[in-house]
C-alpha atoms as a PDB file:
ATOM      1  CA  MET A   1      -4.259   0.934  -5.402  1.00  0.00           C
ATOM      2  CA  VAL A   2      -7.368   2.689  -4.156  1.00  0.00           C
ATOM      3  CA  GLY A   3      -7.814   5.634  -1.836  1.00  0.00           C
ATOM      4  CA  ALA A   4     -10.488   7.803  -0.295  1.00  0.00           C
ATOM      5  CA  ASP A   5     -10.389  11.128   1.523  1.00  0.00           C
ATOM      6  CA  TYR A   6     -13.219  12.617   3.595  1.00  0.00           C
ATOM      7  CA  PHE A   7     -13.075  16.165   4.947  1.00  0.00           C
ATOM      8  CA  LEU A   8     -14.475  16.585   8.455  1.00  0.00           C
ATOM      9  CA  SER A   9     -13.796  20.338   8.390  1.00  0.00           C
ATOM     10  CA  LYS A  10     -11.788  22.865   6.400  1.00  0.00           C
ATOM     11  CA  ARG A  11      -8.528  21.714   8.048  1.00  0.00           C
ATOM     12  CA  THR A  12      -9.234  18.120   9.174  1.00  0.00           C
ATOM     13  CA  ASP A  13      -9.735  15.016   7.085  1.00  0.00           C
ATOM     14  CA  VAL A  14      -9.610  11.232   7.379  1.00  0.00           C
ATOM     15  CA  TYR A  15      -8.157   9.013   4.693  1.00  0.00           C
ATOM     16  CA  LEU A  16      -8.001   5.370   3.673  1.00  0.00           C
ATOM     17  CA  ILE A  17      -5.497   3.885   1.222  1.00  0.00           C
ATOM     18  CA  GLY A  18      -5.343   0.245   0.130  1.00  0.00           C
ATOM     19  CA  VAL A  19      -2.704  -1.424  -2.056  1.00  0.00           C
ATOM     20  CA  TYR A  20      -2.657  -4.958  -3.480  1.00  0.00           C
ATOM     21  CA  GLN A  21       0.191  -6.412  -5.508  1.00  0.00           C
ATOM     22  CA  LYS A  22       0.638  -9.762  -7.275  1.00  0.00           C
ATOM     23  CA  ALA A  23       4.071 -10.501  -8.696  1.00  0.00           C
ATOM     24  CA  SER A  24       4.757 -12.830 -11.605  1.00  0.00           C
ATOM     25  CA  GLY A  25       7.784 -14.130 -13.440  1.00  0.00           C
ATOM     26  CA  THR A  26      11.292 -14.471 -12.016  1.00  0.00           C
ATOM     27  CA  ASP A  27      13.699 -12.101 -10.284  1.00  0.00           C
ATOM     28  CA  SER A  28      17.292 -11.359 -11.354  1.00  0.00           C
ATOM     29  CA  THR A  29      18.570 -14.545  -9.642  1.00  0.00           C
ATOM     30  CA  GLY A  30      16.127 -16.805 -11.499  1.00  0.00           C
ATOM     31  CA  ARG A  31      13.868 -17.469  -8.495  1.00  0.00           C
ATOM     32  CA  ALA A  32      10.134 -16.850  -8.499  1.00  0.00           C
ATOM     33  CA  ALA A  33       9.298 -13.161  -8.061  1.00  0.00           C
ATOM     34  CA  VAL A  34       7.884 -11.992  -4.720  1.00  0.00           C
ATOM     35  CA  ALA A  35       5.607  -9.026  -4.093  1.00  0.00           C
ATOM     36  CA  ALA A  36       7.315  -5.961  -2.628  1.00  0.00           C
ATOM     37  CA  ILE A  37       5.312  -2.801  -1.945  1.00  0.00           C
ATOM     38  CA  ASN A  38       7.507   0.273  -1.363  1.00  0.00           C
ATOM     39  CA  ASN A  39       8.694   0.835   2.243  1.00  0.00           C
ATOM     40  CA  LEU A  40       7.445  -2.586   3.410  1.00  0.00           C
ATOM     41  CA  THR A  41       9.285  -5.843   3.962  1.00  0.00           C
ATOM     42  CA  PRO A  42       8.970  -7.979   0.808  1.00  0.00           C
ATOM     43  CA  SER A  43       6.392 -10.745   0.983  1.00  0.00           C
ATOM     44  CA  ALA A  44       7.369 -14.403   1.265  1.00  0.00           C
ATOM     45  CA  SER A  45       4.923 -15.145  -1.563  1.00  0.00           C
ATOM     46  CA  ASP A  46       3.835 -13.547  -4.831  1.00  0.00           C
ATOM     47  CA  ARG A  47       1.030 -11.548  -3.156  1.00  0.00           C
ATOM     48  CA  GLN A  48       1.055  -8.634  -0.719  1.00  0.00           C
ATOM     49  CA  SER A  49      -1.488  -6.088   0.476  1.00  0.00           C
ATOM     50  CA  THR A  50      -1.566  -3.172   2.869  1.00  0.00           C
ATOM     51  CA  VAL A  51      -4.128  -0.732   4.248  1.00  0.00           C
ATOM     52  CA  ARG A  52      -3.434   2.669   5.764  1.00  0.00           C
ATOM     53  CA  VAL A  53      -6.023   4.676   7.705  1.00  0.00           C
ATOM     54  CA  GLY A  54      -5.313   8.081   9.184  1.00  0.00           C
ATOM     55  CA  ILE A  55      -6.563  11.412  10.354  1.00  0.00           C
ATOM     56  CA  ARG A  56      -4.821  14.615   9.310  1.00  0.00           C
ATOM     57  CA  HIS A  57      -5.143  18.112  10.803  1.00  0.00           C
ATOM     58  CA  LYS A  58      -3.485  21.091   9.115  1.00  0.00           C
ATOM     59  CA  PHE A  59      -2.241  23.859  11.400  1.00  0.00           C
END
């Protein structure tokens, strides 16, 4: 996981977050493990990645 935050002003910023996961081994049923990043649909393979970009303004 890696992230960056850049403040445009005292109350506004932009952010970038990237996550990469590689699963190994087997799951509880004996099948090959699949990557599953929280709040996302599990991958069909052993690898999964996601990127989130946003702008935030505090009122």
